[in-house]
PDB file of N, CA and C in Angstrom:
ATOM      1  N   MET A   1       0.826  -1.189   0.000  1.00  0.00           N
ATOM      2  CA  MET A   1       0.000   0.000   0.000  1.00  0.00           C
ATOM      3  C   MET A   1       0.873   1.256   0.000  1.00  0.00           C
ATOM      4  N   ALA A   2       0.299   2.352  -0.432  1.00  0.00           N
ATOM      5  CA  ALA A   2       1.059   3.583  -0.620  1.00  0.00           C
ATOM      6  C   ALA A   2       1.054   4.473   0.625  1.00  0.00           C
ATOM      7  N   ARG A   3       2.149   5.238   0.736  1.00  0.00           N
ATOM      8  CA  ARG A   3       2.245   6.314   1.724  1.00  0.00           C
ATOM      9  C   ARG A   3       1.961   7.601   0.972  1.00  0.00           C
ATOM     10  N   LEU A   4       0.870   8.268   1.333  1.00  0.00           N
ATOM     11  CA  LEU A   4       0.399   9.435   0.599  1.00  0.00           C
ATOM     12  C   LEU A   4       0.310  10.649   1.505  1.00  0.00           C
ATOM     13  N   TYR A   5       0.414  11.827   0.882  1.00  0.00           N
ATOM     14  CA  TYR A   5       0.187  13.095   1.561  1.00  0.00           C
ATOM     15  C   TYR A   5      -0.872  13.828   0.765  1.00  0.00           C
ATOM     16  N   SER A   6      -2.052  14.015   1.351  1.00  0.00           N
ATOM     17  CA  SER A   6      -3.126  14.685   0.619  1.00  0.00           C
ATOM     18  C   SER A   6      -3.000  16.184   0.776  1.00  0.00           C
ATOM     19  N   ASN A   7      -3.007  16.840  -0.342  1.00  0.00           N
ATOM     20  CA  ASN A   7      -2.885  18.283  -0.394  1.00  0.00           C
ATOM     21  C   ASN A   7      -4.126  18.924   0.231  1.00  0.00           C
ATOM     22  N   GLU A   8      -3.982  20.173   0.646  1.00  0.00           N
ATOM     23  CA  GLU A   8      -5.101  20.902   1.241  1.00  0.00           C
ATOM     24  C   GLU A   8      -6.292  20.893   0.285  1.00  0.00           C
ATOM     25  N   ASN A   9      -7.466  20.806   0.830  1.00  0.00           N
ATOM     26  CA  ASN A   9      -8.738  20.794   0.095  1.00  0.00           C
ATOM     27  C   ASN A   9      -9.043  19.452  -0.580  1.00  0.00           C
ATOM     28  N   PHE A  10      -8.209  18.444  -0.351  1.00  0.00           N
ATOM     29  CA  PHE A  10      -8.541  17.130  -0.904  1.00  0.00           C
ATOM     30  C   PHE A  10      -9.682  16.556  -0.054  1.00  0.00           C
ATOM     31  N   PRO A  11     -10.700  15.960  -0.674  1.00  0.00           N
ATOM     32  CA  PRO A  11     -11.880  15.509   0.075  1.00  0.00           C
ATOM     33  C   PRO A  11     -11.553  14.451   1.145  1.00  0.00           C
ATOM     34  N   LEU A  12     -11.897  14.768   2.377  1.00  0.00           N
ATOM     35  CA  LEU A  12     -11.637  13.864   3.496  1.00  0.00           C
ATOM     36  C   LEU A  12     -12.333  12.506   3.336  1.00  0.00           C
ATOM     37  N   PRO A  13     -13.559  12.438   2.768  1.00  0.00           N
ATOM     38  CA  PRO A  13     -14.161  11.109   2.573  1.00  0.00           C
ATOM     39  C   PRO A  13     -13.327  10.203   1.663  1.00  0.00           C
ATOM     40  N   VAL A  14     -12.618  10.781   0.704  1.00  0.00           N
ATOM     41  CA  VAL A  14     -11.746   9.980  -0.165  1.00  0.00           C
ATOM     42  C   VAL A  14     -10.566   9.473   0.657  1.00  0.00           C
ATOM     43  N   VAL A  15      -9.998  10.340   1.479  1.00  0.00           N
ATOM     44  CA  VAL A  15      -8.886   9.950   2.360  1.00  0.00           C
ATOM     45  C   VAL A  15      -9.323   8.811   3.270  1.00  0.00           C
ATOM     46  N   THR A  16     -10.502   8.951   3.861  1.00  0.00           N
ATOM     47  CA  THR A  16     -11.017   7.924   4.776  1.00  0.00           C
ATOM     48  C   THR A  16     -11.137   6.576   4.071  1.00  0.00           C
ATOM     49  N   ARG A  17     -11.683   6.583   2.868  1.00  0.00           N
ATOM     50  CA  ARG A  17     -11.832   5.315   2.121  1.00  0.00           C
ATOM     51  C   ARG A  17     -10.473   4.743   1.730  1.00  0.00           C
ATOM     52  N   LEU A  18      -9.536   5.588   1.333  1.00  0.00           N
ATOM     53  CA  LEU A  18      -8.195   5.093   1.010  1.00  0.00           C
ATOM     54  C   LEU A  18      -7.540   4.456   2.230  1.00  0.00           C
ATOM     55  N   ARG A  19      -7.758   5.037   3.386  1.00  0.00           N
ATOM     56  CA  ARG A  19      -7.232   4.438   4.619  1.00  0.00           C
ATOM     57  C   ARG A  19      -7.867   3.078   4.866  1.00  0.00           C
ATOM     58  N   GLU A  20      -9.170   2.976   4.629  1.00  0.00           N
ATOM     59  CA  GLU A  20      -9.857   1.687   4.782  1.00  0.00           C
ATOM     60  C   GLU A  20      -9.293   0.641   3.826  1.00  0.00           C
ATOM     61  N   LEU A  21      -8.819   1.093   2.676  1.00  0.00           N
ATOM     62  CA  LEU A  21      -8.229   0.189   1.691  1.00  0.00           C
ATOM     63  C   LEU A  21      -6.774  -0.150   2.017  1.00  0.00           C
ATOM     64  N   GLY A  22      -6.253   0.422   3.103  1.00  0.00           N
ATOM     65  CA  GLY A  22      -4.916   0.062   3.568  1.00  0.00           C
ATOM     66  C   GLY A  22      -3.822   1.067   3.296  1.00  0.00           C
ATOM     67  N   HIS A  23      -4.150   2.197   2.693  1.00  0.00           N
ATOM     68  CA  HIS A  23      -3.138   3.204   2.396  1.00  0.00           C
ATOM     69  C   HIS A  23      -2.865   4.064   3.640  1.00  0.00           C
ATOM     70  N   ASP A  24      -1.638   4.490   3.765  1.00  0.00           N
ATOM     71  CA  ASP A  24      -1.218   5.371   4.860  1.00  0.00           C
ATOM     72  C   ASP A  24      -1.305   6.799   4.314  1.00  0.00           C
ATOM     73  N   VAL A  25      -2.391   7.499   4.650  1.00  0.00           N
ATOM     74  CA  VAL A  25      -2.625   8.829   4.104  1.00  0.00           C
ATOM     75  C   VAL A  25      -2.510   9.867   5.216  1.00  0.00           C
ATOM     76  N   MET A  26      -1.564  10.782   5.035  1.00  0.00           N
ATOM     77  CA  MET A  26      -1.413  11.919   5.938  1.00  0.00           C
ATOM     78  C   MET A  26      -2.075  13.120   5.273  1.00  0.00           C
ATOM     79  N   THR A  27      -2.890  13.849   6.029  1.00  0.00           N
ATOM     80  CA  THR A  27      -3.514  15.057   5.507  1.00  0.00           C
ATOM     81  C   THR A  27      -2.728  16.278   5.967  1.00  0.00           C
ATOM     82  N   THR A  28      -3.021  17.425   5.363  1.00  0.00           N
ATOM     83  CA  THR A  28      -2.378  18.659   5.815  1.00  0.00           C
ATOM     84  C   THR A  28      -2.772  18.951   7.260  1.00  0.00           C
ATOM     85  N   ASP A  29      -3.972  18.577   7.643  1.00  0.00           N
ATOM     86  CA  ASP A  29      -4.401  18.754   9.030  1.00  0.00           C
ATOM     87  C   ASP A  29      -3.570  17.875   9.960  1.00  0.00           C
ATOM     88  N   ASP A  30      -3.350  16.610   9.580  1.00  0.00           N
ATOM     89  CA  ASP A  30      -2.512  15.704  10.378  1.00  0.00           C
ATOM     90  C   ASP A  30      -1.115  16.295  10.570  1.00  0.00           C
ATOM     91  N   ALA A  31      -0.620  16.979   9.544  1.00  0.00           N
ATOM     92  CA  ALA A  31       0.741  17.528   9.564  1.00  0.00           C
ATOM     93  C   ALA A  31       0.805  18.914  10.209  1.00  0.00           C
ATOM     94  N   GLY A  32      -0.343  19.429  10.640  1.00  0.00           N
ATOM     95  CA  GLY A  32      -0.361  20.761  11.223  1.00  0.00           C
ATOM     96  C   GLY A  32      -0.139  21.863  10.209  1.00  0.00           C
ATOM     97  N   GLN A  33      -0.514  21.604   8.951  1.00  0.00           N
ATOM     98  CA  GLN A  33      -0.258  22.570   7.882  1.00  0.00           C
ATOM     99  C   GLN A  33      -1.523  23.035   7.172  1.00  0.00           C
ATOM    100  N   SER A  34      -2.685  22.805   7.764  1.00  0.00           N
ATOM    101  CA  SER A  34      -3.912  23.200   7.074  1.00  0.00           C
ATOM    102  C   SER A  34      -4.135  24.704   7.194  1.00  0.00           C
ATOM    103  N   GLU A  35      -4.815  25.238   6.178  1.00  0.00           N
ATOM    104  CA  GLU A  35      -5.185  26.653   6.094  1.00  0.00           C
ATOM    105  C   GLU A  35      -4.002  27.603   6.220  1.00  0.00           C
ATOM    106  N   GLN A  36      -2.865  27.203   5.665  1.00  0.00           N
ATOM    107  CA  GLN A  36      -1.676  28.051   5.680  1.00  0.00           C
ATOM    108  C   GLN A  36      -1.258  28.498   4.284  1.00  0.00           C
ATOM    109  N   ALA A  37      -1.987  28.057   3.263  1.00  0.00           N
ATOM    110  CA  ALA A  37      -1.679  28.423   1.880  1.00  0.00           C
ATOM    111  C   ALA A  37      -0.199  28.205   1.551  1.00  0.00           C
ATOM    112  N   ILE A  38       0.294  27.037   1.902  1.00  0.00           N
ATOM    113  CA  ILE A  38       1.697  26.689   1.646  1.00  0.00           C
ATOM    114  C   ILE A  38       1.876  26.501   0.141  1.00  0.00           C
ATOM    115  N   PRO A  39       2.894  27.113  -0.448  1.00  0.00           N
ATOM    116  CA  PRO A  39       3.133  26.962  -1.889  1.00  0.00           C
ATOM    117  C   PRO A  39       3.337  25.489  -2.279  1.00  0.00           C
ATOM    118  N   ASP A  40       2.888  25.167  -3.477  1.00  0.00           N
ATOM    119  CA  ASP A  40       2.910  23.784  -3.945  1.00  0.00           C
ATOM    120  C   ASP A  40       4.303  23.166  -3.947  1.00  0.00           C
ATOM    121  N   ASP A  41       5.325  23.948  -4.287  1.00  0.00           N
ATOM    122  CA  ASP A  41       6.671  23.371  -4.275  1.00  0.00           C
ATOM    123  C   ASP A  41       7.090  22.981  -2.857  1.00  0.00           C
ATOM    124  N   GLN A  42       6.632  23.721  -1.857  1.00  0.00           N
ATOM    125  CA  GLN A  42       6.927  23.375  -0.469  1.00  0.00           C
ATOM    126  C   GLN A  42       6.104  22.168  -0.002  1.00  0.00           C
ATOM    127  N   VAL A  43       4.879  22.047  -0.527  1.00  0.00           N
ATOM    128  CA  VAL A  43       4.053  20.873  -0.239  1.00  0.00           C
ATOM    129  C   VAL A  43       4.759  19.627  -0.769  1.00  0.00           C
ATOM    130  N   LEU A  44       5.265  19.720  -1.991  1.00  0.00           N
ATOM    131  CA  LEU A  44       5.986  18.590  -2.580  1.00  0.00           C
ATOM    132  C   LEU A  44       7.254  18.281  -1.788  1.00  0.00           C
ATOM    133  N   ALA A  45       7.978  19.299  -1.384  1.00  0.00           N
ATOM    134  CA  ALA A  45       9.198  19.090  -0.589  1.00  0.00           C
ATOM    135  C   ALA A  45       8.865  18.408   0.738  1.00  0.00           C
ATOM    136  N   PHE A  46       7.758  18.798   1.360  1.00  0.00           N
ATOM    137  CA  PHE A  46       7.333  18.161   2.609  1.00  0.00           C
ATOM    138  C   PHE A  46       7.034  16.686   2.378  1.00  0.00           C
ATOM    139  N   ALA A  47       6.321  16.396   1.284  1.00  0.00           N
ATOM    140  CA  ALA A  47       5.989  15.001   0.970  1.00  0.00           C
ATOM    141  C   ALA A  47       7.258  14.181   0.743  1.00  0.00           C
ATOM    142  N   ILE A  48       8.196  14.736   0.012  1.00  0.00           N
ATOM    143  CA  ILE A  48       9.456  14.035  -0.243  1.00  0.00           C
ATOM    144  C   ILE A  48      10.202  13.784   1.065  1.00  0.00           C
ATOM    145  N   ALA A  49      10.266  14.803   1.917  1.00  0.00           N
ATOM    146  CA  ALA A  49      10.971  14.678   3.195  1.00  0.00           C
ATOM    147  C   ALA A  49      10.325  13.640   4.111  1.00  0.00           C
ATOM    148  N   ASN A  50       9.030  13.393   3.914  1.00  0.00           N
ATOM    149  CA  ASN A  50       8.302  12.433   4.731  1.00  0.00           C
ATOM    150  C   ASN A  50       8.024  11.123   3.994  1.00  0.00           C
ATOM    151  N   SER A  51       8.735  10.912   2.887  1.00  0.00           N
ATOM    152  CA  SER A  51       8.636   9.672   2.105  1.00  0.00           C
ATOM    153  C   SER A  51       7.209   9.348   1.690  1.00  0.00           C
ATOM    154  N   ARG A  52       6.544  10.357   1.112  1.00  0.00           N
ATOM    155  CA  ARG A  52       5.158  10.189   0.700  1.00  0.00           C
ATOM    156  C   ARG A  52       4.953  10.701  -0.724  1.00  0.00           C
ATOM    157  N   ALA A  53       4.005  10.091  -1.406  1.00  0.00           N
ATOM    158  CA  ALA A  53       3.540  10.583  -2.701  1.00  0.00           C
ATOM    159  C   ALA A  53       2.454  11.626  -2.443  1.00  0.00           C
ATOM    160  N   ILE A  54       2.302  12.545  -3.367  1.00  0.00           N
ATOM    161  CA  ILE A  54       1.284  13.604  -3.267  1.00  0.00           C
ATOM    162  C   ILE A  54      -0.041  13.114  -3.842  1.00  0.00           C
ATOM    163  N   LEU A  55      -1.120  13.481  -3.182  1.00  0.00           N
ATOM    164  CA  LEU A  55      -2.486  13.224  -3.636  1.00  0.00           C
ATOM    165  C   LEU A  55      -3.172  14.584  -3.705  1.00  0.00           C
ATOM    166  N   THR A  56      -3.595  15.012  -4.900  1.00  0.00           N
ATOM    167  CA  THR A  56      -4.061  16.390  -5.059  1.00  0.00           C
ATOM    168  C   THR A  56      -5.134  16.543  -6.126  1.00  0.00           C
ATOM    169  N   LEU A  57      -5.923  17.592  -5.966  1.00  0.00           N
ATOM    170  CA  LEU A  57      -6.845  18.035  -7.013  1.00  0.00           C
ATOM    171  C   LEU A  57      -6.227  19.169  -7.824  1.00  0.00           C
ATOM    172  N   ASN A  58      -5.100  19.664  -7.382  1.00  0.00           N
ATOM    173  CA  ASN A  58      -4.414  20.786  -8.027  1.00  0.00           C
ATOM    174  C   ASN A  58      -3.575  20.268  -9.191  1.00  0.00           C
ATOM    175  N   ARG A  59      -4.253  19.916 -10.242  1.00  0.00           N
ATOM    176  CA  ARG A  59      -3.615  19.256 -11.379  1.00  0.00           C
ATOM    177  C   ARG A  59      -2.584  20.151 -12.070  1.00  0.00           C
ATOM    178  N   LYS A  60      -2.970  21.359 -12.388  1.00  0.00           N
ATOM    179  CA  LYS A  60      -2.127  22.241 -13.193  1.00  0.00           C
ATOM    180  C   LYS A  60      -0.741  22.431 -12.568  1.00  0.00           C
ATOM    181  N   HIS A  61      -0.694  22.807 -11.315  1.00  0.00           N
ATOM    182  CA  HIS A  61       0.586  23.105 -10.676  1.00  0.00           C
ATOM    183  C   HIS A  61       1.425  21.852 -10.428  1.00  0.00           C
ATOM    184  N   PHE A  62       0.776  20.754 -10.040  1.00  0.00           N
ATOM    185  CA  PHE A  62       1.564  19.560  -9.744  1.00  0.00           C
ATOM    186  C   PHE A  62       2.041  18.830 -10.998  1.00  0.00           C
ATOM    187  N   VAL A  63       1.352  18.992 -12.110  1.00  0.00           N
ATOM    188  CA  VAL A  63       1.870  18.452 -13.372  1.00  0.00           C
ATOM    189  C   VAL A  63       3.153  19.199 -13.731  1.00  0.00           C
ATOM    190  N   LYS A  64       3.165  20.522 -13.535  1.00  0.00           N
ATOM    191  CA  LYS A  64       4.379  21.305 -13.785  1.00  0.00           C
ATOM    192  C   LYS A  64       5.493  20.897 -12.821  1.00  0.00           C
ATOM    193  N   LEU A  65       5.147  20.696 -11.552  1.00  0.00           N
ATOM    194  CA  LEU A  65       6.162  20.296 -10.570  1.00  0.00           C
ATOM    195  C   LEU A  65       6.741  18.923 -10.899  1.00  0.00           C
ATOM    196  N   HIS A  66       5.922  18.053 -11.454  1.00  0.00           N
ATOM    197  CA  HIS A  66       6.408  16.732 -11.862  1.00  0.00           C
ATOM    198  C   HIS A  66       7.546  16.886 -12.872  1.00  0.00           C
ATOM    199  N   SER A  67       7.403  17.830 -13.777  1.00  0.00           N
ATOM    200  CA  SER A  67       8.438  18.056 -14.787  1.00  0.00           C
ATOM    201  C   SER A  67       9.690  18.693 -14.207  1.00  0.00           C
ATOM    202  N   SER A  68       9.502  19.621 -13.284  1.00  0.00           N
ATOM    203  CA  SER A  68      10.655  20.353 -12.750  1.00  0.00           C
ATOM    204  C   SER A  68      11.314  19.664 -11.553  1.00  0.00           C
ATOM    205  N   THR A  69      10.612  18.727 -10.933  1.00  0.00           N
ATOM    206  CA  THR A  69      11.140  18.031  -9.748  1.00  0.00           C
ATOM    207  C   THR A  69      10.929  16.528  -9.925  1.00  0.00           C
ATOM    208  N   PRO A  70      11.655  15.898 -10.827  1.00  0.00           N
ATOM    209  CA  PRO A  70      11.398  14.486 -11.139  1.00  0.00           C
ATOM    210  C   PRO A  70      11.788  13.503 -10.038  1.00  0.00           C
ATOM    211  N   GLU A  71      12.503  13.964  -9.013  1.00  0.00           N
ATOM    212  CA  GLU A  71      12.937  13.040  -7.963  1.00  0.00           C
ATOM    213  C   GLU A  71      11.889  12.828  -6.868  1.00  0.00           C
ATOM    214  N   HIS A  72      10.636  13.195  -7.125  1.00  0.00           N
ATOM    215  CA  HIS A  72       9.570  13.012  -6.130  1.00  0.00           C
ATOM    216  C   HIS A  72       9.204  11.532  -5.971  1.00  0.00           C
ATOM    217  N   LEU A  73       8.359  11.255  -4.990  1.00  0.00           N
ATOM    218  CA  LEU A  73       7.973   9.875  -4.685  1.00  0.00           C
ATOM    219  C   LEU A  73       6.617   9.501  -5.271  1.00  0.00           C
ATOM    220  N   GLY A  74       6.165  10.301  -6.216  1.00  0.00           N
ATOM    221  CA  GLY A  74       4.896  10.054  -6.886  1.00  0.00           C
ATOM    222  C   GLY A  74       3.953  11.221  -6.707  1.00  0.00           C
ATOM    223  N   ILE A  75       3.213  11.513  -7.757  1.00  0.00           N
ATOM    224  CA  ILE A  75       2.190  12.550  -7.713  1.00  0.00           C
ATOM    225  C   ILE A  75       0.931  11.960  -8.342  1.00  0.00           C
ATOM    226  N   VAL A  76      -0.152  11.960  -7.566  1.00  0.00           N
ATOM    227  CA  VAL A  76      -1.442  11.481  -8.047  1.00  0.00           C
ATOM    228  C   VAL A  76      -2.353  12.700  -8.159  1.00  0.00           C
ATOM    229  N   VAL A  77      -2.655  13.096  -9.392  1.00  0.00           N
ATOM    230  CA  VAL A  77      -3.532  14.242  -9.629  1.00  0.00           C
ATOM    231  C   VAL A  77      -4.910  13.737 -10.027  1.00  0.00           C
ATOM    232  N   CYS A  78      -5.928  14.344  -9.444  1.00  0.00           N
ATOM    233  CA  CYS A  78      -7.302  13.875  -9.650  1.00  0.00           C
ATOM    234  C   CYS A  78      -8.213  15.013 -10.068  1.00  0.00           C
ATOM    235  N   THR A  79      -9.266  14.672 -10.793  1.00  0.00           N
ATOM    236  CA  THR A  79     -10.356  15.616 -11.008  1.00  0.00           C
ATOM    237  C   THR A  79     -11.332  15.422  -9.858  1.00  0.00           C
ATOM    238  N   PHE A  80     -12.082  16.455  -9.526  1.00  0.00           N
ATOM    239  CA  PHE A  80     -13.057  16.345  -8.444  1.00  0.00           C
ATOM    240  C   PHE A  80     -14.178  15.399  -8.858  1.00  0.00           C
ATOM    241  N   ASP A  81     -14.596  14.566  -7.933  1.00  0.00           N
ATOM    242  CA  ASP A  81     -15.715  13.653  -8.158  1.00  0.00           C
ATOM    243  C   ASP A  81     -16.529  13.599  -6.875  1.00  0.00           C
ATOM    244  N   PRO A  82     -17.797  14.007  -6.915  1.00  0.00           N
ATOM    245  CA  PRO A  82     -18.610  13.965  -5.695  1.00  0.00           C
ATOM    246  C   PRO A  82     -18.910  12.547  -5.210  1.00  0.00           C
ATOM    247  N   ASP A  83     -18.651  11.543  -6.055  1.00  0.00           N
ATOM    248  CA  ASP A  83     -18.781  10.153  -5.619  1.00  0.00           C
ATOM    249  C   ASP A  83     -17.439   9.753  -5.006  1.00  0.00           C
ATOM    250  N   PHE A  84     -17.265  10.103  -3.734  1.00  0.00           N
ATOM    251  CA  PHE A  84     -15.979   9.943  -3.064  1.00  0.00           C
ATOM    252  C   PHE A  84     -15.511   8.493  -2.989  1.00  0.00           C
ATOM    253  N   VAL A  85     -16.432   7.577  -2.759  1.00  0.00           N
ATOM    254  CA  VAL A  85     -16.052   6.165  -2.666  1.00  0.00           C
ATOM    255  C   VAL A  85     -15.520   5.681  -4.014  1.00  0.00           C
ATOM    256  N   ALA A  86     -16.217   6.025  -5.080  1.00  0.00           N
ATOM    257  CA  ALA A  86     -15.763   5.614  -6.416  1.00  0.00           C
ATOM    258  C   ALA A  86     -14.425   6.253  -6.744  1.00  0.00           C
ATOM    259  N   GLN A  87     -14.247   7.515  -6.358  1.00  0.00           N
ATOM    260  CA  GLN A  87     -12.971   8.181  -6.600  1.00  0.00           C
ATOM    261  C   GLN A  87     -11.842   7.470  -5.858  1.00  0.00           C
ATOM    262  N   ALA A  88     -12.088   7.125  -4.610  1.00  0.00           N
ATOM    263  CA  ALA A  88     -11.066   6.415  -3.830  1.00  0.00           C
ATOM    264  C   ALA A  88     -10.735   5.069  -4.471  1.00  0.00           C
ATOM    265  N   GLU A  89     -11.728   4.382  -4.966  1.00  0.00           N
ATOM    266  CA  GLU A  89     -11.497   3.083  -5.617  1.00  0.00           C
ATOM    267  C   GLU A  89     -10.655   3.253  -6.877  1.00  0.00           C
ATOM    268  N   ARG A  90     -10.916   4.309  -7.656  1.00  0.00           N
ATOM    269  CA  ARG A  90     -10.114   4.561  -8.862  1.00  0.00           C
ATOM    270  C   ARG A  90      -8.672   4.900  -8.485  1.00  0.00           C
ATOM    271  N   ILE A  91      -8.496   5.709  -7.460  1.00  0.00           N
ATOM    272  CA  ILE A  91      -7.147   6.053  -7.003  1.00  0.00           C
ATOM    273  C   ILE A  91      -6.424   4.794  -6.546  1.00  0.00           C
ATOM    274  N   HIS A  92      -7.098   3.980  -5.756  1.00  0.00           N
ATOM    275  CA  HIS A  92      -6.513   2.730  -5.268  1.00  0.00           C
ATOM    276  C   HIS A  92      -6.069   1.846  -6.435  1.00  0.00           C
ATOM    277  N   SER A  93      -6.931   1.684  -7.415  1.00  0.00           N
ATOM    278  CA  SER A  93      -6.602   0.847  -8.582  1.00  0.00           C
ATOM    279  C   SER A  93      -5.415   1.415  -9.352  1.00  0.00           C
ATOM    280  N   ALA A  94      -5.391   2.739  -9.530  1.00  0.00           N
ATOM    281  CA  ALA A  94      -4.286   3.371 -10.261  1.00  0.00           C
ATOM    282  C   ALA A  94      -2.971   3.198  -9.512  1.00  0.00           C
ATOM    283  N   ILE A  95      -3.004   3.332  -8.210  1.00  0.00           N
ATOM    284  CA  ILE A  95      -1.795   3.158  -7.398  1.00  0.00           C
ATOM    285  C   ILE A  95      -1.307   1.719  -7.477  1.00  0.00           C
ATOM    286  N   GLU A  96      -2.221   0.794  -7.351  1.00  0.00           N
ATOM    287  CA  GLU A  96      -1.858  -0.624  -7.411  1.00  0.00           C
ATOM    288  C   GLU A  96      -1.248  -0.975  -8.767  1.00  0.00           C
ATOM    289  N   ALA A  97      -1.775  -0.400  -9.836  1.00  0.00           N
ATOM    290  CA  ALA A  97      -1.283  -0.692 -11.182  1.00  0.00           C
ATOM    291  C   ALA A  97       0.048   0.002 -11.478  1.00  0.00           C
ATOM    292  N   SER A  98       0.377   1.028 -10.706  1.00  0.00           N
ATOM    293  CA  SER A  98       1.560   1.834 -11.007  1.00  0.00           C
ATOM    294  C   SER A  98       2.672   1.705  -9.976  1.00  0.00           C
ATOM    295  N   SER A  99       2.553   0.796  -9.061  1.00  0.00           N
ATOM    296  CA  SER A  99       3.540   0.657  -7.988  1.00  0.00           C
ATOM    297  C   SER A  99       4.861   0.118  -8.538  1.00  0.00           C
ATOM    298  N   PRO A 100       6.004   0.628  -8.132  1.00  0.00           N
ATOM    299  CA  PRO A 100       6.197   1.717  -7.177  1.00  0.00           C
ATOM    300  C   PRO A 100       5.905   3.077  -7.817  1.00  0.00           C
ATOM    301  N   LEU A 101       5.551   4.044  -7.000  1.00  0.00           N
ATOM    302  CA  LEU A 101       5.123   5.350  -7.479  1.00  0.00           C
ATOM    303  C   LEU A 101       6.265   6.324  -7.746  1.00  0.00           C
ATOM    304  N   THR A 102       7.449   6.016  -7.285  1.00  0.00           N
ATOM    305  CA  THR A 102       8.587   6.926  -7.361  1.00  0.00           C
ATOM    306  C   THR A 102       8.756   7.518  -8.762  1.00  0.00           C
ATOM    307  N   GLY A 103       8.720   8.855  -8.814  1.00  0.00           N
ATOM    308  CA  GLY A 103       8.926   9.574 -10.061  1.00  0.00           C
ATOM    309  C   GLY A 103       7.759   9.566 -11.022  1.00  0.00           C
ATOM    310  N   GLN A 104       6.650   8.950 -10.655  1.00  0.00           N
ATOM    311  CA  GLN A 104       5.519   8.828 -11.576  1.00  0.00           C
ATOM    312  C   GLN A 104       4.491   9.930 -11.365  1.00  0.00           C
ATOM    313  N   LEU A 105       3.842  10.335 -12.445  1.00  0.00           N
ATOM    314  CA  LEU A 105       2.681  11.206 -12.420  1.00  0.00           C
ATOM    315  C   LEU A 105       1.496  10.335 -12.825  1.00  0.00           C
ATOM    316  N   ILE A 106       0.542  10.213 -11.919  1.00  0.00           N
ATOM    317  CA  ILE A 106      -0.633   9.385 -12.173  1.00  0.00           C
ATOM    318  C   ILE A 106      -1.854  10.293 -12.232  1.00  0.00           C
ATOM    319  N   LYS A 107      -2.613  10.189 -13.298  1.00  0.00           N
ATOM    320  CA  LYS A 107      -3.824  10.993 -13.466  1.00  0.00           C
ATOM    321  C   LYS A 107      -5.045  10.116 -13.257  1.00  0.00           C
ATOM    322  N   VAL A 108      -5.906  10.561 -12.339  1.00  0.00           N
ATOM    323  CA  VAL A 108      -7.127   9.832 -12.038  1.00  0.00           C
ATOM    324  C   VAL A 108      -8.293  10.782 -12.333  1.00  0.00           C
ATOM    325  N   ASN A 109      -9.018  10.473 -13.381  1.00  0.00           N
ATOM    326  CA  ASN A 109     -10.095  11.353 -13.834  1.00  0.00           C
ATOM    327  C   ASN A 109     -11.477  10.794 -13.486  1.00  0.00           C
ATOM    328  N   ARG A 110     -12.410  11.711 -13.279  1.00  0.00           N
ATOM    329  CA  ARG A 110     -13.813  11.329 -13.072  1.00  0.00           C
ATOM    330  C   ARG A 110     -14.330  10.782 -14.388  1.00  0.00           C
ATOM    331  N   PRO A 111     -15.108   9.712 -14.355  1.00  0.00           N
ATOM    332  CA  PRO A 111     -15.653   9.168 -15.616  1.00  0.00           C
ATOM    333  C   PRO A 111     -16.581  10.179 -16.296  1.00  0.00           C
ATOM    334  N   ALA A 112     -16.614  10.108 -17.600  1.00  0.00           N
ATOM    335  CA  ALA A 112     -17.463  11.042 -18.375  1.00  0.00           C
ATOM    336  C   ALA A 112     -18.934  10.738 -18.144  1.00  0.00           C
TER     337      ALA A 112
END
């Protein structure tokens, strides 16, 4: 299972379901970093320092960071999906199919 760091504003119900599926997910709240508007490059640096892949809805910025910081431990970018359980299941499947996550950019999109 993956060690993940969910970026601020990532849906907590998705985090909860990922934890139920066996993933070790740290939130910005768990890290004492919520509501601080920490820049994305610092969020990524925190995840790297804590041996975690990033889990985010902030696709645009983290896709760019993937290119400029290839030594990360994985970046999972998602589109918002109000079906949190289904979103967590898609993330879980993508992680399982892409393990190990080191250096990978994984895109998990809401179905059309």
